[in-house]
Amino acid sequence: MSLVIHATTIVTGDDADTVHHGASIAIRDDRIAAIGPDDEVARAFPEAERIDGRNRAVFPGFANIHTHLGMTLARGLYEDLSPPHKPPFSGGLSPLPLPKLSAEEYAVMCQLGALEAIRSGTTAVLEDGANIAGYAPQMVETGLRMLLAERTWDRGNTSIGDPGPFEQDDRLGEAGLQRIADLHAKWHGAGQGRISVGLAAWAPDMCSPGLLKRVRAMQEELDTVATIHLNQIWGEVAAVQAHRGMLPTEYLASLDFLSPRLVCAHCRCMAHREEKLLGKARTCVSFNSAIAARRGLSPRVAVLEQEGCTIGMGSDNMAEDMVEVTRTGLFMERIRREDGRNPTPEQALRWATRNGYAAMGISDAGFLAPGNKADLIVVRTDRPHLVPMIRTVSTFVHQGQPHDVESVMVDGVWLMRDGTVRTMDEATIVKEADRIARRAWGDLFAAKPELRILPGLPAAF
């Protein structure tokens, strides 16, 4: 099977940020077979299905390297309940607990997140979660490329950001390690190789030294990618200082936990010596710009990059829109640097595509080149907000919207074509997710009316 998208604009995302105008891209099976002038590609692939690419641009797909798909449940709530940035710290990222869902209900909320990811041009996802086995089958069916990072921790009776005593519960850690092993045994390599299984230590203040050492050893044994929430909030920093007498990154470094195959999420409450440690270890950092903006915090991306880190991007909680993430990251870093020209749109796009794939351990995708995996998106360029499209990357990064993404391909297979998602029952998922969330929040607020701490809640809740 082969197809050619012709008479189009091709944003390669290669080292030179090459953009081909009026060109063709050929796909054969799961790989990019050729990129070049229309007539040359047409002669080379005379039997291929031909797709008219006029008023379209082909981009690499986005790689979201830090998300929790089921947190779609908390949309419109947690965005406005960030923890304090100054003492006293009490733990947790929100004063509002999540309502309980069954495994089946939670899987629907994860499907909702995956659906939004596809619609906004995402082709690869690093999902950090607990009990992923409960929704792994549905994730395989989405057609997305995924790194499923099952989580472990061994601190009980609290959450991230609590400087109170560390109550170690070895049973929690053992259960998490067993979930990782089981998930890897069953799902690693599923979906014709689209699915990989990694592992996650929840956060430095949620893991004992012994557990972190075991996670690191398991990472080497399984030969996979690991991830951790790091320097996410100031309460976490205070907690690690209280428990270990050092900063979070120093704590990880002391245990040899840092490596080029570690994705550190957030990294926004850091001392420079911690940034140096991450760079020396060549770790990957997920710049979760949209949630960072909502929390009023931001990492020093330029410093992390200068020290040697690979910068990728993630959406984190409540949203899967990588178009917004890319633009917000560009804006936030320009504000932080007080520089209206840097980073460039090309650099921001690289963070959100090629670098993310590299962080997930995938070297042959994330940019468009012959021989690479056919993971790509097709963007309509004849929208009022995108015309005139003189500089393709800049226009899309600055003005693009998720609904401009018309088609999404992973491994040469269309997950969405001409605005229709092919791998998921969109109408059913949206309807069911809405029913589940309204029932769950309604039950919680009915049982605990004192939790109605936000304005605008429906009276029926």
Protein backbone atom coordinates (compact mmCIF):
# COMPACT_ATOMS: atom_id res chain seq x y z
CA MET A 1 0.00 0.00 0.00
CA SER A 2 1.32 3.47 -0.87
CA LEU A 3 -0.08 6.98 -1.13
CA VAL A 4 1.20 10.36 -2.23
CA ILE A 5 0.10 13.72 -0.90
CA HIS A 6 0.98 16.12 -3.70
CA ALA A 7 0.97 19.85 -4.45
CA THR A 8 1.36 20.58 -0.77
CA THR A 9 3.63 22.28 1.77
CA ILE A 10 5.81 19.93 3.79
CA VAL A 11 7.26 21.03 7.13
CA THR A 12 9.99 18.46 7.75
CA GLY A 13 11.19 19.49 11.22
CA ASP A 14 14.68 18.35 10.20
CA ASP A 15 17.96 19.85 11.44
CA ALA A 16 17.73 22.68 8.91
CA ASP A 17 14.00 23.33 9.52
CA THR A 18 13.42 22.62 5.84
CA VAL A 19 10.03 23.52 4.37
CA HIS A 20 9.12 22.23 0.88
CA HIS A 21 6.55 24.24 -1.06
CA GLY A 22 4.51 22.72 -3.88
CA ALA A 23 5.96 19.30 -3.15
CA SER A 24 4.93 15.70 -2.54
CA ILE A 25 5.36 13.20 0.27
CA ALA A 26 5.04 9.48 -0.43
CA ILE A 27 4.03 6.90 2.19
CA ARG A 28 4.61 3.19 1.72
CA ASP A 29 3.28 0.88 4.44
CA ASP A 30 4.35 2.45 7.78
CA ARG A 31 7.23 4.58 6.43
CA ILE A 32 7.87 7.79 4.57
CA ALA A 33 9.17 6.66 1.19
CA ALA A 34 10.05 9.98 -0.45
CA ILE A 35 9.79 13.76 -0.21
CA GLY A 36 10.42 15.90 -3.25
CA PRO A 37 9.10 17.72 -6.33
CA ASP A 38 5.68 16.60 -7.52
CA ASP A 39 6.82 15.24 -10.88
CA GLU A 40 9.69 13.20 -9.44
CA VAL A 41 7.55 11.59 -6.74
CA ALA A 42 4.73 10.92 -9.22
CA ARG A 43 7.12 9.07 -11.53
CA ALA A 44 8.55 7.04 -8.67
CA PHE A 45 5.13 6.00 -7.34
CA PRO A 46 2.81 5.69 -10.34
CA GLU A 47 0.41 3.24 -8.66
CA ALA A 48 0.05 5.14 -5.38
CA GLU A 49 -3.22 6.60 -4.14
CA ARG A 50 -3.03 10.32 -4.84
CA ILE A 51 -4.28 12.91 -2.33
CA ASP A 52 -4.62 16.54 -3.33
CA GLY A 53 -2.59 18.60 -0.87
CA ARG A 54 -3.49 22.06 -2.14
CA ASN A 55 -4.35 24.48 0.67
CA ARG A 56 -2.83 21.99 3.08
CA ALA A 57 0.45 21.61 4.97
CA VAL A 58 1.95 18.34 6.22
CA PHE A 59 3.64 18.53 9.63
CA PRO A 60 5.23 15.98 11.96
CA GLY A 61 2.73 14.87 14.57
CA PHE A 62 2.97 16.22 18.11
CA ALA A 63 4.53 14.13 20.88
CA ASN A 64 2.91 14.75 24.28
CA ILE A 65 5.49 13.44 26.74
CA HIS A 66 3.63 14.13 29.98
CA THR A 67 -0.09 13.60 30.43
CA HIS A 68 -2.70 11.85 32.54
CA LEU A 69 -5.52 11.12 30.12
CA GLY A 70 -8.17 10.42 32.74
CA MET A 71 -7.77 13.84 34.31
CA THR A 72 -10.25 15.07 31.72
CA LEU A 73 -12.57 14.33 34.65
CA ALA A 74 -11.38 17.52 36.42
CA ARG A 75 -11.83 20.00 33.55
CA GLY A 76 -12.96 23.44 34.66
CA LEU A 77 -12.18 22.64 38.31
CA TYR A 78 -8.52 21.91 39.01
CA GLU A 79 -7.27 24.67 36.69
CA ASP A 80 -8.31 27.23 39.33
CA LEU A 81 -7.26 25.38 42.48
CA SER A 82 -3.46 25.41 42.35
CA PRO A 83 -1.61 24.97 45.67
CA PRO A 84 0.18 27.92 47.29
CA HIS A 85 3.70 28.86 46.24
CA LYS A 86 4.65 29.93 49.76
CA PRO A 87 4.41 28.16 53.15
CA PRO A 88 2.50 26.70 54.81
CA PHE A 89 2.36 23.65 52.54
CA SER A 90 -0.02 20.79 53.30
CA GLY A 91 0.28 18.48 50.30
CA GLY A 92 -1.74 17.78 47.21
CA LEU A 93 -2.24 19.67 43.98
CA SER A 94 -5.86 20.58 44.73
CA PRO A 95 -8.04 20.95 47.83
CA LEU A 96 -10.78 19.14 45.91
CA PRO A 97 -10.55 15.33 45.74
CA LEU A 98 -11.33 13.48 42.54
CA PRO A 99 -14.59 11.53 42.69
CA LYS A 100 -14.31 7.78 42.54
CA LEU A 101 -14.83 6.02 39.20
CA SER A 102 -14.99 2.37 38.28
CA ALA A 103 -12.23 1.01 36.04
CA GLU A 104 -14.67 1.02 33.14
CA GLU A 105 -15.67 4.63 33.77
CA TYR A 106 -12.07 5.76 34.08
CA ALA A 107 -11.27 4.07 30.75
CA VAL A 108 -13.96 6.22 29.09
CA MET A 109 -12.40 9.40 30.49
CA CYS A 110 -9.03 8.24 29.09
CA GLN A 111 -10.67 7.61 25.71
CA LEU A 112 -12.00 11.18 25.84
CA GLY A 113 -8.46 12.43 26.39
CA ALA A 114 -7.12 10.31 23.54
CA LEU A 115 -9.87 11.60 21.27
CA GLU A 116 -8.91 15.21 22.00
CA ALA A 117 -5.25 14.30 21.44
CA ILE A 118 -5.99 12.97 17.96
CA ARG A 119 -8.18 15.95 17.07
CA SER A 120 -5.40 18.37 18.02
CA GLY A 121 -2.69 16.62 16.00
CA THR A 122 -0.99 14.39 18.55
CA THR A 123 0.53 11.17 17.26
CA ALA A 124 2.59 10.04 20.28
CA VAL A 125 1.73 10.09 23.99
CA LEU A 126 3.60 9.34 27.21
CA GLU A 127 0.86 8.41 29.68
CA ASP A 128 1.86 8.52 33.35
CA GLY A 129 -0.68 6.75 35.52
CA ALA A 130 -1.58 4.06 38.01
CA ASN A 131 -3.50 0.91 37.11
CA ILE A 132 -2.99 1.49 33.38
CA ALA A 133 -3.86 -2.15 32.71
CA GLY A 134 -7.47 -1.15 33.30
CA TYR A 135 -7.51 1.02 30.18
CA ALA A 136 -4.62 -0.33 28.10
CA PRO A 137 -6.93 -2.21 25.67
CA GLN A 138 -8.79 0.98 24.81
CA MET A 139 -5.52 2.88 24.36
CA VAL A 140 -4.23 0.32 21.87
CA GLU A 141 -7.43 0.69 19.87
CA THR A 142 -6.93 4.48 19.47
CA GLY A 143 -4.11 3.88 17.00
CA LEU A 144 -1.87 6.37 18.81
CA ARG A 145 1.77 5.64 19.49
CA MET A 146 2.03 5.37 23.27
CA LEU A 147 4.54 4.93 26.04
CA LEU A 148 2.54 3.69 29.02
CA ALA A 149 4.43 4.53 32.22
CA GLU A 150 2.92 2.69 35.19
CA ARG A 151 3.49 4.47 38.49
CA THR A 152 4.81 3.43 41.89
CA TRP A 153 5.36 5.17 45.23
CA ASP A 154 5.72 4.12 48.86
CA ARG A 155 4.67 7.14 50.92
CA GLY A 156 1.24 6.69 52.44
CA ASN A 157 -1.54 8.94 53.67
CA THR A 158 -0.64 12.06 51.69
CA SER A 159 0.30 13.42 48.27
CA ILE A 160 2.94 15.57 46.56
CA GLY A 161 4.00 18.70 48.44
CA ASP A 162 3.52 17.68 52.07
CA PRO A 163 6.58 18.46 54.26
CA GLY A 164 5.08 16.46 57.13
CA PRO A 165 6.56 13.11 58.22
CA PHE A 166 7.34 10.50 55.56
CA GLU A 167 5.16 7.50 56.43
CA GLN A 168 6.70 4.68 54.43
CA ASP A 169 4.37 1.91 53.28
CA ASP A 170 6.39 -0.83 51.58
CA ARG A 171 3.22 -2.53 50.38
CA LEU A 172 2.44 0.46 48.17
CA GLY A 173 5.87 0.30 46.56
CA GLU A 174 5.71 -3.46 46.04
CA ALA A 175 2.27 -3.23 44.49
CA GLY A 176 3.44 -0.55 42.08
CA LEU A 177 6.51 -2.50 41.03
CA GLN A 178 4.33 -5.55 40.39
CA ARG A 179 1.92 -3.48 38.27
CA ILE A 180 4.88 -2.26 36.20
CA ALA A 181 6.17 -5.79 35.65
CA ASP A 182 2.72 -7.11 34.75
CA LEU A 183 1.94 -4.25 32.36
CA HIS A 184 5.28 -4.68 30.61
CA ALA A 185 4.83 -8.42 30.24
CA LYS A 186 1.38 -8.08 28.68
CA TRP A 187 1.42 -4.84 26.70
CA HIS A 188 4.97 -3.93 25.71
CA GLY A 189 5.13 -4.16 21.91
CA ALA A 190 1.36 -4.32 21.45
CA GLY A 191 -0.38 -2.62 18.54
CA GLN A 192 2.23 -3.85 16.03
CA GLY A 193 4.91 -2.19 18.14
CA ARG A 194 3.14 1.14 18.67
CA ILE A 195 2.80 0.51 22.41
CA SER A 196 5.78 0.60 24.73
CA VAL A 197 5.72 0.23 28.49
CA GLY A 198 7.86 2.37 30.75
CA LEU A 199 7.81 3.09 34.44
CA ALA A 200 7.17 6.07 36.67
CA ALA A 201 8.27 7.01 40.14
CA TRP A 202 5.53 9.39 41.28
CA ALA A 203 7.69 12.19 42.71
CA PRO A 204 10.82 12.57 44.89
CA ASP A 205 8.79 13.34 48.01
CA MET A 206 6.59 10.28 47.42
CA CYS A 207 9.40 7.72 47.08
CA SER A 208 11.93 6.38 49.55
CA PRO A 209 15.60 5.94 48.57
CA GLY A 210 15.15 2.18 48.50
CA LEU A 211 12.20 2.35 46.12
CA LEU A 212 13.96 4.77 43.77
CA LYS A 213 16.93 2.40 43.59
CA ARG A 214 14.62 -0.47 42.72
CA VAL A 215 12.84 1.57 40.05
CA ARG A 216 16.20 2.46 38.51
CA ALA A 217 17.25 -1.20 38.53
CA MET A 218 13.96 -2.25 36.95
CA GLN A 219 14.41 0.40 34.26
CA GLU A 220 17.74 -1.14 33.32
CA GLU A 221 16.30 -4.66 33.45
CA LEU A 222 13.36 -3.78 31.19
CA ASP A 223 15.51 -1.52 28.98
CA THR A 224 12.91 1.21 28.87
CA VAL A 225 12.17 4.88 29.58
CA ALA A 226 11.39 6.15 33.08
CA THR A 227 9.62 9.32 34.15
CA ILE A 228 9.08 11.30 37.34
CA HIS A 229 7.37 14.51 38.47
CA LEU A 230 10.26 16.75 39.53
CA ASN A 231 10.30 20.17 41.22
CA GLN A 232 6.65 20.55 40.29
CA ILE A 233 5.56 22.78 43.18
CA TRP A 234 7.35 24.54 46.01
CA GLY A 235 5.71 22.24 48.55
CA GLU A 236 7.57 19.33 46.96
CA VAL A 237 10.88 21.15 47.35
CA ALA A 238 10.11 21.84 51.01
CA ALA A 239 9.11 18.21 51.56
CA VAL A 240 12.31 16.74 50.12
CA GLN A 241 14.40 19.21 52.08
CA ALA A 242 12.55 18.20 55.25
CA HIS A 243 12.88 14.47 54.58
CA ARG A 244 16.29 14.20 52.90
CA GLY A 245 18.13 17.42 53.72
CA MET A 246 18.68 18.26 50.06
CA LEU A 247 16.88 19.55 46.98
CA PRO A 248 14.76 17.13 44.88
CA THR A 249 17.20 16.86 41.96
CA GLU A 250 20.13 16.42 44.35
CA TYR A 251 18.19 13.62 46.01
CA LEU A 252 17.70 11.83 42.68
CA ALA A 253 21.33 12.40 41.68
CA SER A 254 22.56 10.92 44.97
CA LEU A 255 20.75 7.70 44.06
CA ASP A 256 22.00 7.59 40.43
CA PHE A 257 18.40 7.99 39.26
CA LEU A 258 19.16 10.59 36.58
CA SER A 259 19.89 9.37 33.05
CA PRO A 260 19.33 10.25 29.37
CA ARG A 261 16.36 7.86 29.44
CA LEU A 262 14.58 9.76 32.21
CA VAL A 263 11.78 12.22 31.43
CA CYS A 264 11.51 14.79 34.21
CA ALA A 265 8.14 16.53 34.21
CA HIS A 266 7.83 20.21 35.16
CA CYS A 267 11.24 21.26 36.64
CA ARG A 268 9.88 24.72 37.42
CA CYS A 269 10.90 25.23 41.09
CA MET A 270 14.65 24.70 40.70
CA ALA A 271 17.97 26.06 41.87
CA HIS A 272 20.63 26.44 39.20
CA ARG A 273 22.68 23.63 40.72
CA GLU A 274 19.75 21.32 40.04
CA GLU A 275 19.53 22.44 36.41
CA LYS A 276 23.23 21.67 36.11
CA LEU A 277 22.70 18.16 37.49
CA LEU A 278 19.94 17.46 34.99
CA GLY A 279 22.06 18.75 32.11
CA LYS A 280 25.12 16.76 33.16
CA ALA A 281 23.01 13.58 33.13
CA ARG A 282 21.49 14.56 29.73
CA THR A 283 17.99 14.05 31.07
CA CYS A 284 14.85 14.97 29.15
CA VAL A 285 12.57 17.66 30.55
CA SER A 286 8.88 17.91 29.75
CA PHE A 287 7.95 21.59 29.50
CA ASN A 288 4.27 21.48 30.46
CA SER A 289 3.61 25.05 29.48
CA ALA A 290 -0.19 25.28 29.61
CA ILE A 291 -0.53 23.85 33.11
CA ALA A 292 2.53 25.87 34.17
CA ALA A 293 0.82 29.05 33.02
CA ARG A 294 -2.33 28.08 34.90
CA ARG A 295 -0.29 27.52 38.06
CA GLY A 296 1.71 30.73 37.66
CA LEU A 297 5.05 28.90 37.47
CA SER A 298 7.49 28.21 34.65
CA PRO A 299 10.80 26.36 34.21
CA ARG A 300 13.90 28.12 32.94
CA VAL A 301 13.83 26.34 29.61
CA ALA A 302 16.75 28.21 28.05
CA VAL A 303 18.95 27.40 31.05
CA LEU A 304 17.95 23.73 31.07
CA GLU A 305 18.67 23.49 27.36
CA GLN A 306 22.03 25.26 27.70
CA GLU A 307 23.03 22.88 30.47
CA GLY A 308 22.41 19.87 28.20
CA CYS A 309 18.80 18.77 28.68
CA THR A 310 16.51 17.72 25.84
CA ILE A 311 13.33 19.80 26.01
CA GLY A 312 10.05 18.16 25.08
CA MET A 313 6.50 19.26 25.80
CA GLY A 314 3.45 17.89 27.58
CA SER A 315 -0.11 18.92 28.31
CA ASP A 316 -0.32 17.37 31.79
CA ASN A 317 -3.81 17.72 33.28
CA MET A 318 -7.32 18.46 32.03
CA ALA A 319 -6.37 19.01 28.37
CA GLU A 320 -4.63 17.27 25.48
CA ASP A 321 -4.32 20.26 23.12
CA MET A 322 -0.70 20.32 21.95
CA VAL A 323 -1.38 23.26 19.62
CA GLU A 324 -2.08 25.35 22.72
CA VAL A 325 0.87 23.81 24.57
CA THR A 326 3.31 24.74 21.80
CA ARG A 327 2.14 28.32 21.49
CA THR A 328 1.93 28.84 25.27
CA GLY A 329 5.47 27.52 25.65
CA LEU A 330 6.74 29.94 23.04
CA PHE A 331 4.97 32.86 24.72
CA MET A 332 5.96 31.97 28.28
CA GLU A 333 9.61 31.52 27.45
CA ARG A 334 9.73 34.78 25.51
CA ILE A 335 8.23 36.58 28.51
CA ARG A 336 10.65 34.90 30.90
CA ARG A 337 13.64 35.80 28.70
CA GLU A 338 12.25 39.27 27.93
CA ASP A 339 13.06 38.47 24.31
CA GLY A 340 10.48 38.97 21.58
CA ARG A 341 12.38 36.85 19.04
CA ASN A 342 13.53 33.81 20.97
CA PRO A 343 12.66 31.03 21.16
CA THR A 344 11.67 30.85 17.51
CA PRO A 345 8.50 29.09 16.32
CA GLU A 346 10.72 26.46 14.70
CA GLN A 347 12.37 25.76 18.04
CA ALA A 348 9.04 25.49 19.86
CA LEU A 349 7.75 23.11 17.19
CA ARG A 350 10.87 20.96 17.58
CA TRP A 351 10.29 20.72 21.33
CA ALA A 352 6.73 19.54 20.67
CA THR A 353 7.56 17.02 17.93
CA ARG A 354 11.05 15.66 17.27
CA ASN A 355 12.39 16.18 20.81
CA GLY A 356 9.36 14.52 22.31
CA TYR A 357 9.81 11.46 20.14
CA ALA A 358 13.49 11.35 21.12
CA ALA A 359 12.55 11.55 24.80
CA MET A 360 10.27 8.54 24.28
CA GLY A 361 13.22 6.64 22.82
CA ILE A 362 12.07 6.89 19.19
CA SER A 363 14.76 8.15 16.82
CA ASP A 364 13.07 7.39 13.49
CA ALA A 365 9.98 9.60 13.89
CA GLY A 366 9.02 13.08 14.99
CA PHE A 367 10.36 14.66 11.82
CA LEU A 368 9.58 13.97 8.18
CA ALA A 369 12.33 12.22 6.25
CA PRO A 370 12.54 9.20 3.94
CA GLY A 371 12.82 6.05 6.03
CA ASN A 372 11.15 7.51 9.08
CA LYS A 373 7.90 6.29 10.55
CA ALA A 374 4.86 7.81 8.83
CA ASP A 375 3.57 9.76 11.84
CA LEU A 376 2.22 13.04 10.50
CA ILE A 377 -0.66 15.49 10.45
CA VAL A 378 -2.34 17.42 7.64
CA VAL A 379 -3.31 21.01 8.43
CA ARG A 380 -5.77 23.11 6.42
CA THR A 381 -4.15 26.41 5.50
CA ASP A 382 -7.07 28.19 3.86
CA ARG A 383 -8.63 29.32 7.14
CA PRO A 384 -9.23 33.04 7.70
CA HIS A 385 -6.87 33.10 10.69
CA LEU A 386 -4.06 31.38 8.72
CA VAL A 387 -4.12 33.53 5.58
CA PRO A 388 -1.74 34.73 4.29
CA MET A 389 0.46 31.76 5.21
CA ILE A 390 3.81 33.14 4.13
CA ARG A 391 5.92 31.53 6.83
CA THR A 392 4.24 28.20 7.44
CA VAL A 393 5.72 27.25 10.80
CA SER A 394 5.42 30.70 12.30
CA THR A 395 1.83 31.14 11.15
CA PHE A 396 0.71 27.78 12.52
CA VAL A 397 2.54 28.12 15.85
CA HIS A 398 1.28 31.67 16.41
CA GLN A 399 -2.24 31.42 14.97
CA GLY A 400 -3.09 27.74 14.52
CA GLN A 401 -6.05 26.07 16.21
CA PRO A 402 -6.76 22.38 16.86
CA HIS A 403 -9.61 22.29 14.35
CA ASP A 404 -7.13 23.24 11.61
CA VAL A 405 -5.81 19.69 11.93
CA GLU A 406 -7.74 17.83 9.27
CA SER A 407 -6.04 14.42 9.21
CA VAL A 408 -3.75 12.43 11.50
CA MET A 409 -1.60 9.43 10.53
CA VAL A 410 0.40 7.00 12.69
CA ASP A 411 2.42 4.16 11.16
CA GLY A 412 0.92 4.98 7.77
CA VAL A 413 -2.65 4.52 9.06
CA TRP A 414 -5.19 7.34 9.17
CA LEU A 415 -6.50 7.84 12.70
CA MET A 416 -8.43 10.86 11.45
CA ARG A 417 -9.16 11.67 7.80
CA ASP A 418 -10.85 14.81 6.53
CA GLY A 419 -12.04 15.67 10.02
CA THR A 420 -13.51 12.27 10.87
CA VAL A 421 -11.87 10.15 13.58
CA ARG A 422 -11.68 6.58 12.29
CA THR A 423 -10.39 4.64 15.28
CA MET A 424 -12.88 5.76 17.93
CA ASP A 425 -16.66 6.18 18.26
CA GLU A 426 -16.48 9.90 18.95
CA ALA A 427 -20.17 10.60 19.57
CA THR A 428 -20.56 7.71 22.01
CA ILE A 429 -17.39 8.53 23.93
CA VAL A 430 -18.26 12.22 24.32
CA LYS A 431 -21.80 11.44 25.46
CA GLU A 432 -20.72 8.72 27.89
CA ALA A 433 -17.83 10.76 29.35
CA ASP A 434 -20.17 13.67 30.01
CA ARG A 435 -22.66 11.38 31.76
CA ILE A 436 -19.95 9.76 33.89
CA ALA A 437 -18.36 13.03 34.96
CA ARG A 438 -21.64 14.73 35.83
CA ARG A 439 -22.80 11.74 37.86
CA ALA A 440 -19.45 11.44 39.69
CA TRP A 441 -19.13 15.12 40.59
CA GLY A 442 -22.81 15.32 41.46
CA ASP A 443 -22.47 12.42 43.89
CA LEU A 444 -19.38 13.94 45.48
CA PHE A 445 -20.92 17.39 45.99
CA ALA A 446 -24.15 15.85 47.29
CA ALA A 447 -22.24 13.82 49.85
CA LYS A 448 -19.90 16.66 50.82
CA PRO A 449 -21.53 20.03 50.13
CA GLU A 450 -18.65 21.79 51.89
CA LEU A 451 -16.52 20.99 48.80
CA ARG A 452 -18.55 23.40 46.67
CA ILE A 453 -15.66 25.87 46.83
CA LEU A 454 -15.79 27.13 43.24
CA PRO A 455 -18.35 29.49 41.68
CA GLY A 456 -20.45 28.50 38.69
CA LEU A 457 -21.33 24.94 39.72
CA PRO A 458 -24.76 23.73 38.53
CA ALA A 459 -27.42 23.93 41.22
CA ALA A 460 -28.21 20.25 40.59
CA PHE A 461 -24.80 19.30 41.97
